[in-house]
Amino acid sequence: VVVGDYISGNTRRLVQVAEDQRVTCFHVETASELPLDRLRNCSRVGLTAGASTPRDIVDEVCEVLAGLNPAGGEGA
């Protein structure tokens, strides 16, 4: 999951790097945009954000992702 503004060059580059590695990538600006039904099927989820993405937005996305794995263990 890449969090950041859709027009941010830095954030778009993070998406491009993931896609170049053939990694499924979801670019969202906020936690409400997360495709939870698709993410629930993932065994692991990584999170990164553009340099100018506000910390509170990243924290909110992280909280939602952690909630996908109630045990809070590996793969969250």
C-alpha atoms as a PDB file:
ATOM      1  CA  VAL A   1       0.000   0.000   0.000  1.00  0.00           C
ATOM      2  CA  VAL A   2       1.366   3.392  -0.998  1.00  0.00           C
ATOM      3  CA  VAL A   3      -0.221   6.368   0.747  1.00  0.00           C
ATOM      4  CA  GLY A   4       0.007   9.816  -0.746  1.00  0.00           C
ATOM      5  CA  ASP A   5      -1.404  12.406  -3.075  1.00  0.00           C
ATOM      6  CA  TYR A   6      -2.254  11.127  -6.546  1.00  0.00           C
ATOM      7  CA  ILE A   7      -0.373  14.022  -8.128  1.00  0.00           C
ATOM      8  CA  SER A   8       2.750  13.687  -5.974  1.00  0.00           C
ATOM      9  CA  GLY A   9       5.751  12.751  -8.083  1.00  0.00           C
ATOM     10  CA  ASN A  10       7.420  11.080  -5.100  1.00  0.00           C
ATOM     11  CA  THR A  11       4.376   8.953  -4.324  1.00  0.00           C
ATOM     12  CA  ARG A  12       3.852   8.003  -7.959  1.00  0.00           C
ATOM     13  CA  ARG A  13       7.488   6.891  -8.091  1.00  0.00           C
ATOM     14  CA  LEU A  14       6.936   4.590  -5.094  1.00  0.00           C
ATOM     15  CA  VAL A  15       4.006   3.007  -6.939  1.00  0.00           C
ATOM     16  CA  GLN A  16       6.136   2.625 -10.059  1.00  0.00           C
ATOM     17  CA  VAL A  17       8.933   0.890  -8.117  1.00  0.00           C
ATOM     18  CA  ALA A  18       6.453  -1.601  -6.648  1.00  0.00           C
ATOM     19  CA  GLU A  19       4.866  -2.274 -10.013  1.00  0.00           C
ATOM     20  CA  ASP A  20       8.285  -2.680 -11.661  1.00  0.00           C
ATOM     21  CA  GLN A  21       8.925  -5.463  -9.133  1.00  0.00           C
ATOM     22  CA  ARG A  22       5.592  -7.073 -10.085  1.00  0.00           C
ATOM     23  CA  VAL A  23       4.194  -6.425  -6.622  1.00  0.00           C
ATOM     24  CA  THR A  24       0.472  -5.824  -6.331  1.00  0.00           C
ATOM     25  CA  CYS A  25       0.194  -2.198  -5.313  1.00  0.00           C
ATOM     26  CA  PHE A  26      -2.676  -0.088  -4.049  1.00  0.00           C
ATOM     27  CA  HIS A  27      -2.205   3.697  -4.150  1.00  0.00           C
ATOM     28  CA  VAL A  28      -4.552   5.498  -1.768  1.00  0.00           C
ATOM     29  CA  GLU A  29      -4.798   9.008  -0.398  1.00  0.00           C
ATOM     30  CA  THR A  30      -6.753   8.056   2.721  1.00  0.00           C
ATOM     31  CA  ALA A  31      -7.673   4.969   4.755  1.00  0.00           C
ATOM     32  CA  SER A  32     -11.235   5.122   3.432  1.00  0.00           C
ATOM     33  CA  GLU A  33      -9.900   4.251  -0.036  1.00  0.00           C
ATOM     34  CA  LEU A  34      -8.274   0.987   1.063  1.00  0.00           C
ATOM     35  CA  PRO A  35      -9.648  -2.023  -0.868  1.00  0.00           C
ATOM     36  CA  LEU A  36     -10.228  -4.029   2.311  1.00  0.00           C
ATOM     37  CA  ASP A  37     -11.856  -6.985   0.574  1.00  0.00           C
ATOM     38  CA  ARG A  38      -8.756  -7.450  -1.584  1.00  0.00           C
ATOM     39  CA  LEU A  39      -6.301  -6.787   1.235  1.00  0.00           C
ATOM     40  CA  ARG A  40      -7.913  -9.416   3.472  1.00  0.00           C
ATOM     41  CA  ASN A  41      -6.783 -12.036   0.951  1.00  0.00           C
ATOM     42  CA  CYS A  42      -3.126 -10.994   1.198  1.00  0.00           C
ATOM     43  CA  SER A  43      -0.742 -12.973   3.365  1.00  0.00           C
ATOM     44  CA  ARG A  44       1.465  -9.890   3.796  1.00  0.00           C
ATOM     45  CA  VAL A  45       0.888  -6.189   3.349  1.00  0.00           C
ATOM     46  CA  GLY A  46       3.597  -3.561   3.184  1.00  0.00           C
ATOM     47  CA  LEU A  47       3.032   0.123   3.795  1.00  0.00           C
ATOM     48  CA  THR A  48       4.955   3.115   2.531  1.00  0.00           C
ATOM     49  CA  ALA A  49       4.099   6.749   1.987  1.00  0.00           C
ATOM     50  CA  GLY A  50       5.188   9.737  -0.013  1.00  0.00           C
ATOM     51  CA  ALA A  51       7.507  12.158   1.756  1.00  0.00           C
ATOM     52  CA  SER A  52       4.847  14.862   2.109  1.00  0.00           C
ATOM     53  CA  THR A  53       2.047  12.568   3.294  1.00  0.00           C
ATOM     54  CA  PRO A  54       0.817  13.785   6.698  1.00  0.00           C
ATOM     55  CA  ARG A  55       1.733  11.458   9.549  1.00  0.00           C
ATOM     56  CA  ASP A  56      -1.841  11.260  10.830  1.00  0.00           C
ATOM     57  CA  ILE A  57      -3.019   9.846   7.492  1.00  0.00           C
ATOM     58  CA  VAL A  58      -0.235   7.237   7.493  1.00  0.00           C
ATOM     59  CA  ASP A  59      -1.095   6.317  11.100  1.00  0.00           C
ATOM     60  CA  GLU A  60      -4.782   5.911  10.218  1.00  0.00           C
ATOM     61  CA  VAL A  61      -3.963   3.641   7.258  1.00  0.00           C
ATOM     62  CA  CYS A  62      -1.625   1.631   9.483  1.00  0.00           C
ATOM     63  CA  GLU A  63      -4.387   1.188  12.097  1.00  0.00           C
ATOM     64  CA  VAL A  64      -6.855  -0.050   9.498  1.00  0.00           C
ATOM     65  CA  LEU A  65      -4.310  -2.485   8.068  1.00  0.00           C
ATOM     66  CA  ALA A  66      -3.441  -3.790  11.529  1.00  0.00           C
ATOM     67  CA  GLY A  67      -7.139  -4.437  12.081  1.00  0.00           C
ATOM     68  CA  LEU A  68      -7.141  -6.885   9.178  1.00  0.00           C
ATOM     69  CA  ASN A  69      -5.095  -9.264  11.343  1.00  0.00           C
ATOM     70  CA  PRO A  70      -6.660  -9.279  14.813  1.00  0.00           C
ATOM     71  CA  ALA A  71      -3.660 -11.145  16.261  1.00  0.00           C
ATOM     72  CA  GLY A  72      -1.457  -8.253  15.166  1.00  0.00           C
ATOM     73  CA  GLY A  73       1.234 -10.706  14.143  1.00  0.00           C
ATOM     74  CA  GLU A  74       3.262 -11.193  11.015  1.00  0.00           C
ATOM     75  CA  GLY A  75       1.349 -10.577   7.856  1.00  0.00           C
ATOM     76  CA  ALA A  76      -0.492  -7.546   9.190  1.00  0.00           C
END
